Amino acid sequence: MPDFETTSFGRISYEPEWAIEFPSGLPGFEDRRRFAAVKFEKSAPLVFLQSLEDPALCFITLPVLVVDPQYRLEVSGEDLGQIGLAPGKQPRIGTDVLCLTVISIRESGPTANLLAPIIVNLRNLKAVQAVAPESEYSLQHVLLPEEAPVCS
């Protein structure tokens, strides 16, 4: 099992056959194509997508159903084909694909990108960030909305 030195976690070990591959990279990171899904019991259900090519590149993600249990996945035929799935049928989260939302930490609080989730084919571990431009979902879905004031 190879080791990889990371900026965030120090040395990690991973199984090469479990590396997630983005055939076209990620938007803005097209030259970074191999990632390890790193999980820690103390930070569950967070999944850290650690680049295996850049020790400083790591995305914080959550399974999309943790953020929105009613999430409706819409993936284009082109994106499905890129990860080896049939373009005519939407995949099932948890059965066909792992669906992760990228978390951003902002001054106003954490947000989740529900508009463009990361879709991983569970059979071959090929992945794509699938942008659904006609979706009702947001790039900045608020994770910790302000609590409503209590009226007495």
Protein backbone atom coordinates (compact mmCIF):
# COMPACT_ATOMS: atom_id res chain seq x y z
CA MET A 1 0.00 0.00 0.00
CA PRO A 2 1.66 3.25 -1.13
CA ASP A 3 2.04 6.28 1.12
CA PHE A 4 1.49 9.88 0.10
CA GLU A 5 2.58 12.97 2.02
CA THR A 6 -0.22 15.56 2.30
CA THR A 7 -0.22 19.13 3.56
CA SER A 8 -3.40 18.68 5.62
CA PHE A 9 -3.06 15.15 7.03
CA GLY A 10 0.63 14.28 6.93
CA ARG A 11 1.41 10.86 5.52
CA ILE A 12 -1.57 8.80 4.37
CA SER A 13 -1.72 5.28 2.94
CA TYR A 14 -4.13 4.32 0.19
CA GLU A 15 -4.94 1.38 -2.02
CA PRO A 16 -4.10 2.32 -5.66
CA GLU A 17 -7.15 0.42 -6.94
CA TRP A 18 -9.36 2.65 -4.75
CA ALA A 19 -8.08 5.91 -6.26
CA ILE A 20 -10.87 8.03 -7.74
CA GLU A 21 -10.08 9.20 -11.27
CA PHE A 22 -11.50 12.33 -12.89
CA PRO A 23 -10.87 11.69 -16.63
CA SER A 24 -11.16 15.44 -17.38
CA GLY A 25 -10.01 16.74 -14.01
CA LEU A 26 -12.15 19.14 -12.00
CA PRO A 27 -13.18 22.63 -13.15
CA GLY A 28 -10.20 24.86 -12.37
CA PHE A 29 -8.01 21.80 -11.62
CA GLU A 30 -8.05 20.00 -14.98
CA ASP A 31 -4.51 18.68 -14.49
CA ARG A 32 -5.38 17.01 -11.15
CA ARG A 33 -7.08 13.73 -11.93
CA ARG A 34 -6.38 11.22 -9.14
CA PHE A 35 -7.82 11.55 -5.65
CA ALA A 36 -8.16 9.47 -2.50
CA ALA A 37 -11.33 9.64 -0.44
CA VAL A 38 -10.07 10.16 3.12
CA LYS A 39 -12.45 9.67 6.04
CA PHE A 40 -11.89 10.05 9.76
CA GLU A 41 -14.25 8.75 12.42
CA LYS A 42 -14.02 12.00 14.42
CA SER A 43 -15.11 14.13 11.43
CA ALA A 44 -17.77 11.82 9.97
CA PRO A 45 -19.67 12.21 7.70
CA LEU A 46 -17.10 14.49 6.02
CA VAL A 47 -15.14 12.99 3.12
CA PHE A 48 -11.87 14.67 2.17
CA LEU A 49 -10.95 14.32 -1.51
CA GLN A 50 -7.17 14.46 -1.34
CA SER A 51 -5.29 14.93 -4.60
CA LEU A 52 -2.71 12.22 -5.18
CA GLU A 53 -0.77 14.60 -7.43
CA ASP A 54 -0.72 17.75 -5.30
CA PRO A 55 -0.14 17.39 -1.54
CA ALA A 56 -1.78 20.78 -0.86
CA LEU A 57 -5.01 20.14 -2.81
CA CYS A 58 -7.86 18.70 -0.77
CA PHE A 59 -11.61 19.25 -1.11
CA ILE A 60 -13.96 18.97 1.85
CA THR A 61 -17.12 17.13 0.82
CA LEU A 62 -20.26 15.60 2.28
CA PRO A 63 -22.52 12.92 0.87
CA VAL A 64 -25.26 14.92 -0.84
CA LEU A 65 -28.04 13.04 0.98
CA VAL A 66 -26.63 14.26 4.32
CA VAL A 67 -27.22 17.84 3.15
CA ASP A 68 -30.55 17.17 1.40
CA PRO A 69 -32.16 13.73 1.98
CA GLN A 70 -34.59 14.47 -0.90
CA TYR A 71 -31.85 15.41 -3.40
CA ARG A 72 -32.78 14.67 -7.02
CA LEU A 73 -29.73 13.81 -9.08
CA GLU A 74 -29.70 15.09 -12.68
CA VAL A 75 -26.64 14.14 -14.72
CA SER A 76 -26.20 14.92 -18.41
CA GLY A 77 -25.68 12.09 -20.88
CA GLU A 78 -22.24 13.48 -21.65
CA ASP A 79 -21.19 13.35 -17.98
CA LEU A 80 -22.65 9.85 -17.57
CA GLY A 81 -20.70 8.65 -20.60
CA GLN A 82 -17.50 10.18 -19.25
CA ILE A 83 -17.69 7.97 -16.15
CA GLY A 84 -18.82 4.82 -17.98
CA LEU A 85 -22.57 4.91 -17.31
CA ALA A 86 -25.35 4.59 -19.88
CA PRO A 87 -26.49 8.07 -20.96
CA GLY A 88 -30.21 7.18 -21.13
CA LYS A 89 -30.77 6.39 -17.44
CA GLN A 90 -30.17 8.48 -14.32
CA PRO A 91 -27.98 6.63 -11.79
CA ARG A 92 -29.14 5.83 -8.27
CA ILE A 93 -27.22 7.43 -5.41
CA GLY A 94 -25.67 4.75 -3.21
CA THR A 95 -26.30 1.95 -5.71
CA ASP A 96 -24.70 3.18 -8.93
CA VAL A 97 -22.87 6.29 -7.79
CA LEU A 98 -21.43 8.09 -4.82
CA CYS A 99 -22.69 11.68 -4.89
CA LEU A 100 -20.70 14.27 -2.94
CA THR A 101 -21.23 17.99 -2.49
CA VAL A 102 -18.19 20.25 -2.16
CA ILE A 103 -18.22 22.35 1.01
CA SER A 104 -16.99 25.95 1.04
CA ILE A 105 -16.17 27.79 4.23
CA ARG A 106 -17.17 31.43 4.00
CA GLU A 107 -17.20 34.28 6.47
CA SER A 108 -20.99 33.97 6.59
CA GLY A 109 -20.77 30.22 7.29
CA PRO A 110 -20.34 26.93 5.41
CA THR A 111 -22.15 26.28 2.14
CA ALA A 112 -22.62 23.21 -0.06
CA ASN A 113 -22.52 23.17 -3.85
CA LEU A 114 -25.68 21.26 -4.72
CA LEU A 115 -25.73 22.58 -8.30
CA ALA A 116 -22.57 20.73 -9.32
CA PRO A 117 -22.07 17.60 -7.20
CA ILE A 118 -19.20 15.18 -7.64
CA ILE A 119 -20.47 11.92 -9.08
CA VAL A 120 -18.34 8.76 -8.68
CA ASN A 121 -19.24 5.59 -10.57
CA LEU A 122 -19.05 2.92 -7.84
CA ARG A 123 -18.07 0.22 -10.33
CA ASN A 124 -14.98 1.82 -11.88
CA LEU A 125 -14.30 4.85 -9.58
CA LYS A 126 -14.35 7.29 -12.50
CA ALA A 127 -15.73 10.67 -11.44
CA VAL A 128 -16.99 13.97 -12.76
CA GLN A 129 -18.23 17.20 -11.27
CA ALA A 130 -21.66 17.20 -12.90
CA VAL A 131 -23.04 20.69 -13.45
CA ALA A 132 -26.84 20.75 -13.80
CA PRO A 133 -27.47 24.25 -15.24
CA GLU A 134 -31.26 23.86 -15.35
CA SER A 135 -31.46 22.65 -11.77
CA GLU A 136 -33.16 24.49 -8.93
CA TYR A 137 -30.19 23.77 -6.66
CA SER A 138 -27.70 26.39 -5.51
CA LEU A 139 -23.92 26.68 -5.70
CA GLN A 140 -24.03 28.07 -2.16
CA HIS A 141 -26.66 26.11 -0.22
CA VAL A 142 -26.39 27.38 3.37
CA LEU A 143 -25.54 24.55 5.78
CA LEU A 144 -26.09 26.33 9.08
CA PRO A 145 -28.96 28.77 8.57
CA GLU A 146 -29.34 31.42 11.20
CA GLU A 147 -31.73 30.36 13.89
CA ALA A 148 -35.07 32.09 13.83
CA PRO A 149 -35.60 34.40 16.80
CA VAL A 150 -37.71 32.97 19.57
CA CYS A 151 -40.85 35.04 20.21
CA SER A 152 -42.37 35.03 23.65
